[in-house]
Amino acid sequence: GHDAHYLTVTAQAYRWDTLWGEEGLTVTCGHRTVRAQFTPAGA
Protein backbone atom coordinates (compact mmCIF):
# COMPACT_ATOMS: atom_id res chain seq x y z
CA GLY A 1 0.00 0.00 0.00
CA HIS A 2 0.80 3.70 -0.41
CA ASP A 3 1.59 4.41 3.27
CA ALA A 4 3.97 1.45 3.56
CA HIS A 5 5.74 2.38 0.33
CA TYR A 6 5.99 6.10 1.20
CA LEU A 7 7.39 5.47 4.68
CA THR A 8 9.93 2.95 3.35
CA VAL A 9 11.14 5.23 0.55
CA THR A 10 11.35 8.25 2.86
CA ALA A 11 13.37 6.29 5.43
CA GLN A 12 15.76 5.06 2.75
CA ALA A 13 16.13 8.56 1.28
CA TYR A 14 17.26 9.86 4.67
CA ARG A 15 19.64 6.91 5.03
CA TRP A 16 17.75 4.96 7.67
CA ASP A 17 18.24 1.18 7.55
CA THR A 18 14.91 -0.51 6.77
CA LEU A 19 13.75 -4.02 7.58
CA TRP A 20 10.34 -5.50 6.94
CA GLY A 21 9.16 -8.38 9.11
CA GLU A 22 5.95 -9.93 10.37
CA GLU A 23 5.54 -7.13 12.92
CA GLY A 24 5.84 -4.37 10.30
CA LEU A 25 8.62 -1.96 9.35
CA THR A 26 11.64 -1.33 11.56
CA VAL A 27 13.92 1.57 10.64
CA THR A 28 17.15 2.42 12.43
CA CYS A 29 19.61 5.29 12.30
CA GLY A 30 22.37 5.23 14.89
CA HIS A 31 20.82 4.48 18.29
CA ARG A 32 17.32 5.51 17.21
CA THR A 33 14.71 2.96 16.09
CA VAL A 34 11.21 3.47 14.72
CA ARG A 35 8.80 0.54 14.48
CA ALA A 36 5.71 1.04 12.34
CA GLN A 37 2.71 -1.24 11.90
CA PHE A 38 0.47 -1.37 8.85
CA THR A 39 -2.72 -3.10 7.79
CA PRO A 40 -2.28 -6.03 5.39
CA ALA A 41 -3.18 -3.57 2.59
CA GLY A 42 -0.33 -1.26 3.64
CA ALA A 43 -2.25 1.50 5.45
All heavy atoms as atom14 arrays in JSON, in Angstrom:
{
  "sequence": "GHDAHYLTVTAQAYRWDTLWGEEGLTVTCGHRTVRAQFTPAGA",
  "atom14_mask": [
    [1, 1, 1, 1, 0, 0, 0, 0, 0, 0, 0, 0, 0, 0],
    [1, 1, 1, 1, 1, 1, 1, 1, 1, 1, 0, 0, 0, 0],
    [1, 1, 1, 1, 1, 1, 1, 1, 0, 0, 0, 0, 0, 0],
    [1, 1, 1, 1, 1, 0, 0, 0, 0, 0, 0, 0, 0, 0],
    [1, 1, 1, 1, 1, 1, 1, 1, 1, 1, 0, 0, 0, 0],
    [1, 1, 1, 1, 1, 1, 1, 1, 1, 1, 1, 1, 0, 0],
    [1, 1, 1, 1, 1, 1, 1, 1, 0, 0, 0, 0, 0, 0],
    [1, 1, 1, 1, 1, 1, 1, 0, 0, 0, 0, 0, 0, 0],
    [1, 1, 1, 1, 1, 1, 1, 0, 0, 0, 0, 0, 0, 0],
    [1, 1, 1, 1, 1, 1, 1, 0, 0, 0, 0, 0, 0, 0],
    [1, 1, 1, 1, 1, 0, 0, 0, 0, 0, 0, 0, 0, 0],
    [1, 1, 1, 1, 1, 1, 1, 1, 1, 0, 0, 0, 0, 0],
    [1, 1, 1, 1, 1, 0, 0, 0, 0, 0, 0, 0, 0, 0],
    [1, 1, 1, 1, 1, 1, 1, 1, 1, 1, 1, 1, 0, 0],
    [1, 1, 1, 1, 1, 1, 1, 1, 1, 1, 1, 0, 0, 0],
    [1, 1, 1, 1, 1, 1, 1, 1, 1, 1, 1, 1, 1, 1],
    [1, 1, 1, 1, 1, 1, 1, 1, 0, 0, 0, 0, 0, 0],
    [1, 1, 1, 1, 1, 1, 1, 0, 0, 0, 0, 0, 0, 0],
    [1, 1, 1, 1, 1, 1, 1, 1, 0, 0, 0, 0, 0, 0],
    [1, 1, 1, 1, 1, 1, 1, 1, 1, 1, 1, 1, 1, 1],
    [1, 1, 1, 1, 0, 0, 0, 0, 0, 0, 0, 0, 0, 0],
    [1, 1, 1, 1, 1, 1, 1, 1, 1, 0, 0, 0, 0, 0],
    [1, 1, 1, 1, 1, 1, 1, 1, 1, 0, 0, 0, 0, 0],
    [1, 1, 1, 1, 0, 0, 0, 0, 0, 0, 0, 0, 0, 0],
    [1, 1, 1, 1, 1, 1, 1, 1, 0, 0, 0, 0, 0, 0],
    [1, 1, 1, 1, 1, 1, 1, 0, 0, 0, 0, 0, 0, 0],
    [1, 1, 1, 1, 1, 1, 1, 0, 0, 0, 0, 0, 0, 0],
    [1, 1, 1, 1, 1, 1, 1, 0, 0, 0, 0, 0, 0, 0],
    [1, 1, 1, 1, 1, 1, 0, 0, 0, 0, 0, 0, 0, 0],
    [1, 1, 1, 1, 0, 0, 0, 0, 0, 0, 0, 0, 0, 0],
    [1, 1, 1, 1, 1, 1, 1, 1, 1, 1, 0, 0, 0, 0],
    [1, 1, 1, 1, 1, 1, 1, 1, 1, 1, 1, 0, 0, 0],
    [1, 1, 1, 1, 1, 1, 1, 0, 0, 0, 0, 0, 0, 0],
    [1, 1, 1, 1, 1, 1, 1, 0, 0, 0, 0, 0, 0, 0],
    [1, 1, 1, 1, 1, 1, 1, 1, 1, 1, 1, 0, 0, 0],
    [1, 1, 1, 1, 1, 0, 0, 0, 0, 0, 0, 0, 0, 0],
    [1, 1, 1, 1, 1, 1, 1, 1, 1, 0, 0, 0, 0, 0],
    [1, 1, 1, 1, 1, 1, 1, 1, 1, 1, 1, 0, 0, 0],
    [1, 1, 1, 1, 1, 1, 1, 0, 0, 0, 0, 0, 0, 0],
    [1, 1, 1, 1, 1, 1, 1, 0, 0, 0, 0, 0, 0, 0],
    [1, 1, 1, 1, 1, 0, 0, 0, 0, 0, 0, 0, 0, 0],
    [1, 1, 1, 1, 0, 0, 0, 0, 0, 0, 0, 0, 0, 0],
    [1, 1, 1, 1, 1, 0, 0, 0, 0, 0, 0, 0, 0, 0]
  ],
  "atom14_positions": [
    [[0.8, -1.22, 0.0], [0.0, 0.0, 0.0], [0.83, 1.27, 0.0], [2.04, 1.27, 0.24], [0.0, 0.0, 0.0], [0.0, 0.0, 0.0], [0.0, 0.0, 0.0], [0.0, 0.0, 0.0], [0.0, 0.0, 0.0], [0.0, 0.0, 0.0], [0.0, 0.0, 0.0], [0.0, 0.0, 0.0], [0.0, 0.0, 0.0], [0.0, 0.0, 0.0]],
    [[0.15, 2.39, -0.27], [0.8, 3.7, -0.41], [1.56, 4.1, 0.86], [2.71, 4.54, 0.78], [-0.24, 4.75, -0.77], [0.33, 6.13, -0.85], [1.13, 6.54, -1.88], [0.25, 7.18, 0.01], [1.52, 7.79, -1.67], [1.0, 8.2, -0.53], [0.0, 0.0, 0.0], [0.0, 0.0, 0.0], [0.0, 0.0, 0.0], [0.0, 0.0, 0.0]],
    [[0.93, 3.98, 2.03], [1.59, 4.41, 3.27], [2.88, 3.62, 3.51], [3.92, 4.19, 3.84], [0.67, 4.23, 4.47], [-0.5, 5.19, 4.5], [-0.52, 6.14, 3.69], [-1.41, 4.98, 5.32], [0.0, 0.0, 0.0], [0.0, 0.0, 0.0], [0.0, 0.0, 0.0], [0.0, 0.0, 0.0], [0.0, 0.0, 0.0], [0.0, 0.0, 0.0]],
    [[2.8, 2.3, 3.34], [3.97, 1.45, 3.56], [5.09, 1.81, 2.59], [6.25, 1.91, 2.97], [3.59, -0.02, 3.4], [0.0, 0.0, 0.0], [0.0, 0.0, 0.0], [0.0, 0.0, 0.0], [0.0, 0.0, 0.0], [0.0, 0.0, 0.0], [0.0, 0.0, 0.0], [0.0, 0.0, 0.0], [0.0, 0.0, 0.0], [0.0, 0.0, 0.0]],
    [[4.73, 2.02, 1.33], [5.74, 2.38, 0.33], [6.35, 3.75, 0.64], [7.57, 3.92, 0.63], [5.1, 2.39, -1.06], [6.03, 2.86, -2.13], [7.05, 2.07, -2.62], [6.1, 4.04, -2.8], [7.71, 2.75, -3.54], [7.16, 3.94, -3.66], [0.0, 0.0, 0.0], [0.0, 0.0, 0.0], [0.0, 0.0, 0.0], [0.0, 0.0, 0.0]],
    [[5.51, 4.74, 0.95], [5.99, 6.1, 1.2], [6.92, 6.15, 2.41], [7.97, 6.79, 2.37], [4.8, 7.04, 1.4], [5.2, 8.49, 1.46], [5.54, 9.17, 0.29], [5.25, 9.17, 2.66], [5.93, 10.51, 0.33], [5.63, 10.5, 2.71], [5.97, 11.16, 1.55], [6.35, 12.48, 1.59], [0.0, 0.0, 0.0], [0.0, 0.0, 0.0]],
    [[6.55, 5.46, 3.48], [7.39, 5.47, 4.68], [8.72, 4.77, 4.42], [9.77, 5.25, 4.85], [6.65, 4.79, 5.84], [6.96, 5.3, 7.22], [6.64, 6.79, 7.36], [6.18, 4.52, 8.25], [0.0, 0.0, 0.0], [0.0, 0.0, 0.0], [0.0, 0.0, 0.0], [0.0, 0.0, 0.0], [0.0, 0.0, 0.0], [0.0, 0.0, 0.0]],
    [[8.7, 3.68, 3.68], [9.93, 2.95, 3.35], [10.86, 3.81, 2.5], [12.05, 3.94, 2.8], [9.61, 1.64, 2.6], [8.76, 0.84, 3.41], [10.87, 0.87, 2.28], [0.0, 0.0, 0.0], [0.0, 0.0, 0.0], [0.0, 0.0, 0.0], [0.0, 0.0, 0.0], [0.0, 0.0, 0.0], [0.0, 0.0, 0.0], [0.0, 0.0, 0.0]],
    [[10.33, 4.41, 1.46], [11.14, 5.23, 0.55], [11.69, 6.46, 1.27], [12.85, 6.82, 1.09], [10.32, 5.63, -0.7], [11.03, 6.67, -1.54], [10.02, 4.39, -1.53], [0.0, 0.0, 0.0], [0.0, 0.0, 0.0], [0.0, 0.0, 0.0], [0.0, 0.0, 0.0], [0.0, 0.0, 0.0], [0.0, 0.0, 0.0], [0.0, 0.0, 0.0]],
    [[10.88, 7.08, 2.11], [11.35, 8.25, 2.86], [12.48, 7.85, 3.81], [13.5, 8.54, 3.88], [10.19, 8.89, 3.65], [9.16, 9.28, 2.73], [10.66, 10.1, 4.44], [0.0, 0.0, 0.0], [0.0, 0.0, 0.0], [0.0, 0.0, 0.0], [0.0, 0.0, 0.0], [0.0, 0.0, 0.0], [0.0, 0.0, 0.0], [0.0, 0.0, 0.0]],
    [[12.32, 6.75, 4.52], [13.37, 6.29, 5.43], [14.66, 6.03, 4.66], [15.74, 6.45, 5.09], [12.91, 5.03, 6.16], [0.0, 0.0, 0.0], [0.0, 0.0, 0.0], [0.0, 0.0, 0.0], [0.0, 0.0, 0.0], [0.0, 0.0, 0.0], [0.0, 0.0, 0.0], [0.0, 0.0, 0.0], [0.0, 0.0, 0.0], [0.0, 0.0, 0.0]],
    [[14.57, 5.36, 3.54], [15.76, 5.06, 2.75], [16.41, 6.33, 2.19], [17.63, 6.44, 2.15], [15.41, 4.08, 1.64], [15.07, 2.71, 2.17], [14.48, 1.78, 1.13], [14.02, 2.21, 0.08], [14.48, 0.49, 1.43], [0.0, 0.0, 0.0], [0.0, 0.0, 0.0], [0.0, 0.0, 0.0], [0.0, 0.0, 0.0], [0.0, 0.0, 0.0]],
    [[15.6, 7.3, 1.81], [16.13, 8.56, 1.28], [16.95, 9.31, 2.32], [17.94, 9.96, 1.99], [15.0, 9.46, 0.77], [0.0, 0.0, 0.0], [0.0, 0.0, 0.0], [0.0, 0.0, 0.0], [0.0, 0.0, 0.0], [0.0, 0.0, 0.0], [0.0, 0.0, 0.0], [0.0, 0.0, 0.0], [0.0, 0.0, 0.0], [0.0, 0.0, 0.0]],
    [[16.53, 9.2, 3.58], [17.26, 9.86, 4.67], [18.25, 8.92, 5.34], [18.68, 9.16, 6.47], [16.27, 10.45, 5.68], [15.62, 11.7, 5.15], [14.43, 11.64, 4.43], [16.21, 12.95, 5.33], [13.84, 12.79, 3.92], [15.63, 14.09, 4.82], [14.44, 14.01, 4.11], [13.86, 15.13, 3.6], [0.0, 0.0, 0.0], [0.0, 0.0, 0.0]],
    [[18.6, 7.86, 4.64], [19.64, 6.91, 5.03], [19.37, 6.16, 6.33], [20.28, 5.85, 7.09], [21.0, 7.59, 5.07], [21.41, 8.12, 3.71], [22.84, 8.58, 3.71], [23.19, 9.11, 2.41], [23.45, 10.38, 2.17], [23.43, 11.26, 3.14], [23.76, 10.78, 0.96], [0.0, 0.0, 0.0], [0.0, 0.0, 0.0], [0.0, 0.0, 0.0]],
    [[18.11, 5.86, 6.58], [17.75, 4.96, 7.67], [17.84, 3.54, 7.11], [17.51, 3.29, 5.96], [16.33, 5.22, 8.15], [16.13, 6.51, 8.89], [16.11, 7.76, 8.36], [15.89, 6.67, 10.28], [15.88, 8.68, 9.34], [15.74, 8.04, 10.52], [15.79, 5.77, 11.33], [15.49, 8.54, 11.79], [15.53, 6.27, 12.6], [15.39, 7.65, 12.82]],
    [[18.27, 2.6, 7.93], [18.24, 1.18, 7.55], [16.81, 0.68, 7.72], [16.18, 0.96, 8.74], [19.18, 0.36, 8.42], [20.64, 0.73, 8.2], [21.02, 1.02, 7.05], [21.4, 0.73, 9.19], [0.0, 0.0, 0.0], [0.0, 0.0, 0.0], [0.0, 0.0, 0.0], [0.0, 0.0, 0.0], [0.0, 0.0, 0.0], [0.0, 0.0, 0.0]],
    [[16.29, -0.03, 6.73], [14.91, -0.51, 6.77], [14.88, -2.03, 6.77], [15.67, -2.68, 6.09], [14.09, 0.01, 5.58], [14.69, -0.43, 4.37], [14.02, 1.53, 5.57], [0.0, 0.0, 0.0], [0.0, 0.0, 0.0], [0.0, 0.0, 0.0], [0.0, 0.0, 0.0], [0.0, 0.0, 0.0], [0.0, 0.0, 0.0], [0.0, 0.0, 0.0]],
    [[13.94, -2.58, 7.53], [13.75, -4.02, 7.58], [12.28, -4.32, 7.77], [11.67, -3.86, 8.74], [14.56, -4.64, 8.72], [14.38, -6.15, 8.91], [14.92, -6.91, 7.7], [15.05, -6.6, 10.19], [0.0, 0.0, 0.0], [0.0, 0.0, 0.0], [0.0, 0.0, 0.0], [0.0, 0.0, 0.0], [0.0, 0.0, 0.0], [0.0, 0.0, 0.0]],
    [[11.72, -5.06, 6.83], [10.34, -5.5, 6.94], [10.3, -6.88, 7.57], [11.09, -7.75, 7.23], [9.68, -5.55, 5.56], [9.17, -4.22, 5.15], [9.8, -3.31, 4.36], [7.94, -3.63, 5.53], [9.03, -2.18, 4.23], [7.88, -2.35, 4.94], [6.87, -4.04, 6.33], [6.79, -1.5, 5.11], [5.79, -3.2, 6.49], [5.78, -1.93, 5.88]],
    [[9.36, -7.08, 8.47], [9.16, -8.38, 9.11], [7.68, -8.57, 9.39], [6.84, -7.74, 9.0], [0.0, 0.0, 0.0], [0.0, 0.0, 0.0], [0.0, 0.0, 0.0], [0.0, 0.0, 0.0], [0.0, 0.0, 0.0], [0.0, 0.0, 0.0], [0.0, 0.0, 0.0], [0.0, 0.0, 0.0], [0.0, 0.0, 0.0], [0.0, 0.0, 0.0]],
    [[7.36, -9.63, 10.08], [5.95, -9.93, 10.37], [5.3, -8.86, 11.23], [4.09, -8.66, 11.17], [5.85, -11.29, 11.05], [6.16, -12.45, 10.12], [5.95, -13.79, 10.78], [5.21, -13.86, 11.78], [6.54, -14.76, 10.28], [0.0, 0.0, 0.0], [0.0, 0.0, 0.0], [0.0, 0.0, 0.0], [0.0, 0.0, 0.0], [0.0, 0.0, 0.0]],
    [[6.08, -8.17, 12.03], [5.54, -7.13, 12.92], [5.42, -5.77, 12.23], [4.93, -4.82, 12.83], [6.43, -7.0, 14.16], [6.47, -8.25, 15.0], [5.11, -8.59, 15.6], [4.42, -7.66, 16.06], [4.74, -9.77, 15.59], [0.0, 0.0, 0.0], [0.0, 0.0, 0.0], [0.0, 0.0, 0.0], [0.0, 0.0, 0.0], [0.0, 0.0, 0.0]],
    [[5.91, -5.64, 11.01], [5.84, -4.37, 10.3], [7.22, -3.89, 9.87], [8.12, -4.69, 9.62], [0.0, 0.0, 0.0], [0.0, 0.0, 0.0], [0.0, 0.0, 0.0], [0.0, 0.0, 0.0], [0.0, 0.0, 0.0], [0.0, 0.0, 0.0], [0.0, 0.0, 0.0], [0.0, 0.0, 0.0], [0.0, 0.0, 0.0], [0.0, 0.0, 0.0]],
    [[7.38, -2.58, 9.8], [8.62, -1.96, 9.35], [9.43, -1.48, 10.55], [8.92, -0.78, 11.43], [8.3, -0.76, 8.45], [9.46, 0.1, 7.98], [10.42, -0.69, 7.1], [8.94, 1.33, 7.25], [0.0, 0.0, 0.0], [0.0, 0.0, 0.0], [0.0, 0.0, 0.0], [0.0, 0.0, 0.0], [0.0, 0.0, 0.0], [0.0, 0.0, 0.0]],
    [[10.71, -1.84, 10.56], [11.64, -1.33, 11.56], [12.7, -0.52, 10.83], [13.29, -1.0, 9.87], [12.32, -2.47, 12.33], [11.31, -3.24, 12.99], [13.3, -1.93, 13.37], [0.0, 0.0, 0.0], [0.0, 0.0, 0.0], [0.0, 0.0, 0.0], [0.0, 0.0, 0.0], [0.0, 0.0, 0.0], [0.0, 0.0, 0.0], [0.0, 0.0, 0.0]],
    [[12.88, 0.74, 11.24], [13.92, 1.57, 10.64], [14.86, 2.03, 11.74], [14.43, 2.34, 12.85], [13.34, 2.79, 9.86], [12.51, 2.32, 8.69], [12.5, 3.67, 10.74], [0.0, 0.0, 0.0], [0.0, 0.0, 0.0], [0.0, 0.0, 0.0], [0.0, 0.0, 0.0], [0.0, 0.0, 0.0], [0.0, 0.0, 0.0], [0.0, 0.0, 0.0]],
    [[16.16, 2.02, 11.45], [17.15, 2.42, 12.43], [18.14, 3.4, 11.83], [18.47, 3.33, 10.65], [17.92, 1.22, 12.99], [18.52, 0.52, 11.9], [17.03, 0.28, 13.76], [0.0, 0.0, 0.0], [0.0, 0.0, 0.0], [0.0, 0.0, 0.0], [0.0, 0.0, 0.0], [0.0, 0.0, 0.0], [0.0, 0.0, 0.0], [0.0, 0.0, 0.0]],
    [[18.58, 4.32, 12.67], [19.61, 5.29, 12.3], [20.37, 5.58, 13.58], [19.83, 6.21, 14.5], [19.0, 6.55, 11.71], [20.19, 7.74, 11.1], [0.0, 0.0, 0.0], [0.0, 0.0, 0.0], [0.0, 0.0, 0.0], [0.0, 0.0, 0.0], [0.0, 0.0, 0.0], [0.0, 0.0, 0.0], [0.0, 0.0, 0.0], [0.0, 0.0, 0.0]],
    [[21.6, 5.08, 13.66], [22.37, 5.23, 14.89], [21.69, 4.46, 16.01], [21.35, 3.29, 15.86], [0.0, 0.0, 0.0], [0.0, 0.0, 0.0], [0.0, 0.0, 0.0], [0.0, 0.0, 0.0], [0.0, 0.0, 0.0], [0.0, 0.0, 0.0], [0.0, 0.0, 0.0], [0.0, 0.0, 0.0], [0.0, 0.0, 0.0], [0.0, 0.0, 0.0]],
    [[21.44, 5.12, 17.13], [20.82, 4.48, 18.29], [19.31, 4.66, 18.3], [18.65, 4.28, 19.27], [21.4, 5.03, 19.59], [22.86, 4.75, 19.74], [23.35, 3.49, 19.95], [23.94, 5.57, 19.67], [24.66, 3.53, 20.02], [25.05, 4.8, 19.86], [0.0, 0.0, 0.0], [0.0, 0.0, 0.0], [0.0, 0.0, 0.0], [0.0, 0.0, 0.0]],
    [[18.75, 5.24, 17.26], [17.32, 5.51, 17.21], [16.62, 4.46, 16.35], [17.09, 4.13, 15.27], [17.09, 6.92, 16.64], [15.68, 7.38, 16.75], [15.59, 8.86, 16.43], [16.04, 9.66, 17.58], [17.16, 10.38, 17.59], [17.94, 10.44, 16.56], [17.49, 11.07, 18.66], [0.0, 0.0, 0.0], [0.0, 0.0, 0.0], [0.0, 0.0, 0.0]],
    [[15.49, 3.96, 16.82], [14.71, 2.96, 16.09], [13.25, 3.38, 16.05], [12.7, 3.82, 17.06], [14.81, 1.58, 16.78], [16.18, 1.19, 16.82], [14.02, 0.53, 16.04], [0.0, 0.0, 0.0], [0.0, 0.0, 0.0], [0.0, 0.0, 0.0], [0.0, 0.0, 0.0], [0.0, 0.0, 0.0], [0.0, 0.0, 0.0], [0.0, 0.0, 0.0]],
    [[12.64, 3.23, 14.88], [11.21, 3.47, 14.72], [10.6, 2.16, 14.23], [11.1, 1.56, 13.29], [10.92, 4.59, 13.7], [9.41, 4.77, 13.51], [11.56, 5.9, 14.13], [0.0, 0.0, 0.0], [0.0, 0.0, 0.0], [0.0, 0.0, 0.0], [0.0, 0.0, 0.0], [0.0, 0.0, 0.0], [0.0, 0.0, 0.0], [0.0, 0.0, 0.0]],
    [[9.52, 1.74, 14.9], [8.8, 0.54, 14.48], [7.39, 0.95, 14.1], [6.67, 1.52, 14.92], [8.78, -0.49, 15.61], [10.13, -1.09, 15.88], [10.09, -2.12, 17.01], [11.4, -2.7, 17.23], [12.33, -2.17, 18.01], [12.11, -1.04, 18.63], [13.52, -2.75, 18.14], [0.0, 0.0, 0.0], [0.0, 0.0, 0.0], [0.0, 0.0, 0.0]],
    [[7.02, 0.65, 12.85], [5.71, 1.04, 12.34], [4.91, -0.2, 11.97], [5.45, -1.16, 11.42], [5.86, 1.94, 11.12], [0.0, 0.0, 0.0], [0.0, 0.0, 0.0], [0.0, 0.0, 0.0], [0.0, 0.0, 0.0], [0.0, 0.0, 0.0], [0.0, 0.0, 0.0], [0.0, 0.0, 0.0], [0.0, 0.0, 0.0], [0.0, 0.0, 0.0]],
    [[3.62, -0.15, 12.25], [2.71, -1.24, 11.9], [1.73, -0.75, 10.84], [1.33, 0.42, 10.85], [1.95, -1.73, 13.13], [2.85, -2.34, 14.17], [2.08, -2.76, 15.41], [0.95, -2.35, 15.62], [2.69, -3.58, 16.23], [0.0, 0.0, 0.0], [0.0, 0.0, 0.0], [0.0, 0.0, 0.0], [0.0, 0.0, 0.0], [0.0, 0.0, 0.0]],
    [[1.36, -1.67, 9.96], [0.47, -1.37, 8.85], [-0.61, -2.43, 8.75], [-0.43, -3.55, 9.23], [1.27, -1.35, 7.54], [2.34, -0.31, 7.5], [3.59, -0.56, 8.05], [2.12, 0.93, 6.93], [4.59, 0.39, 8.05], [3.11, 1.9, 6.92], [4.34, 1.63, 7.48], [0.0, 0.0, 0.0], [0.0, 0.0, 0.0], [0.0, 0.0, 0.0]],
    [[-1.71, -2.09, 8.1], [-2.72, -3.1, 7.79], [-2.16, -4.01, 6.7], [-1.16, -3.65, 6.06], [-4.01, -2.45, 7.26], [-3.73, -1.84, 5.99], [-4.57, -1.41, 8.23], [0.0, 0.0, 0.0], [0.0, 0.0, 0.0], [0.0, 0.0, 0.0], [0.0, 0.0, 0.0], [0.0, 0.0, 0.0], [0.0, 0.0, 0.0], [0.0, 0.0, 0.0]],
    [[-2.76, -5.16, 6.47], [-2.28, -6.03, 5.39], [-2.27, -5.33, 4.02], [-1.47, -5.66, 3.15], [-3.27, -7.2, 5.4], [-3.73, -7.26, 6.83], [-3.8, -5.81, 7.26], [0.0, 0.0, 0.0], [0.0, 0.0, 0.0], [0.0, 0.0, 0.0], [0.0, 0.0, 0.0], [0.0, 0.0, 0.0], [0.0, 0.0, 0.0], [0.0, 0.0, 0.0]],
    [[-3.13, -4.32, 3.85], [-3.18, -3.57, 2.59], [-2.13, -2.46, 2.54], [-1.99, -1.79, 1.52], [-4.56, -2.97, 2.39], [0.0, 0.0, 0.0], [0.0, 0.0, 0.0], [0.0, 0.0, 0.0], [0.0, 0.0, 0.0], [0.0, 0.0, 0.0], [0.0, 0.0, 0.0], [0.0, 0.0, 0.0], [0.0, 0.0, 0.0], [0.0, 0.0, 0.0]],
    [[-1.39, -2.25, 3.63], [-0.33, -1.26, 3.64], [-0.69, 0.09, 4.21], [0.09, 1.03, 4.12], [0.0, 0.0, 0.0], [0.0, 0.0, 0.0], [0.0, 0.0, 0.0], [0.0, 0.0, 0.0], [0.0, 0.0, 0.0], [0.0, 0.0, 0.0], [0.0, 0.0, 0.0], [0.0, 0.0, 0.0], [0.0, 0.0, 0.0], [0.0, 0.0, 0.0]],
    [[-1.87, 0.23, 4.82], [-2.25, 1.5, 5.45], [-1.57, 1.6, 6.82], [-1.53, 0.64, 7.59], [-3.76, 1.59, 5.6], [0.0, 0.0, 0.0], [0.0, 0.0, 0.0], [0.0, 0.0, 0.0], [0.0, 0.0, 0.0], [0.0, 0.0, 0.0], [0.0, 0.0, 0.0], [0.0, 0.0, 0.0], [0.0, 0.0, 0.0], [0.0, 0.0, 0.0]]
  ]
}
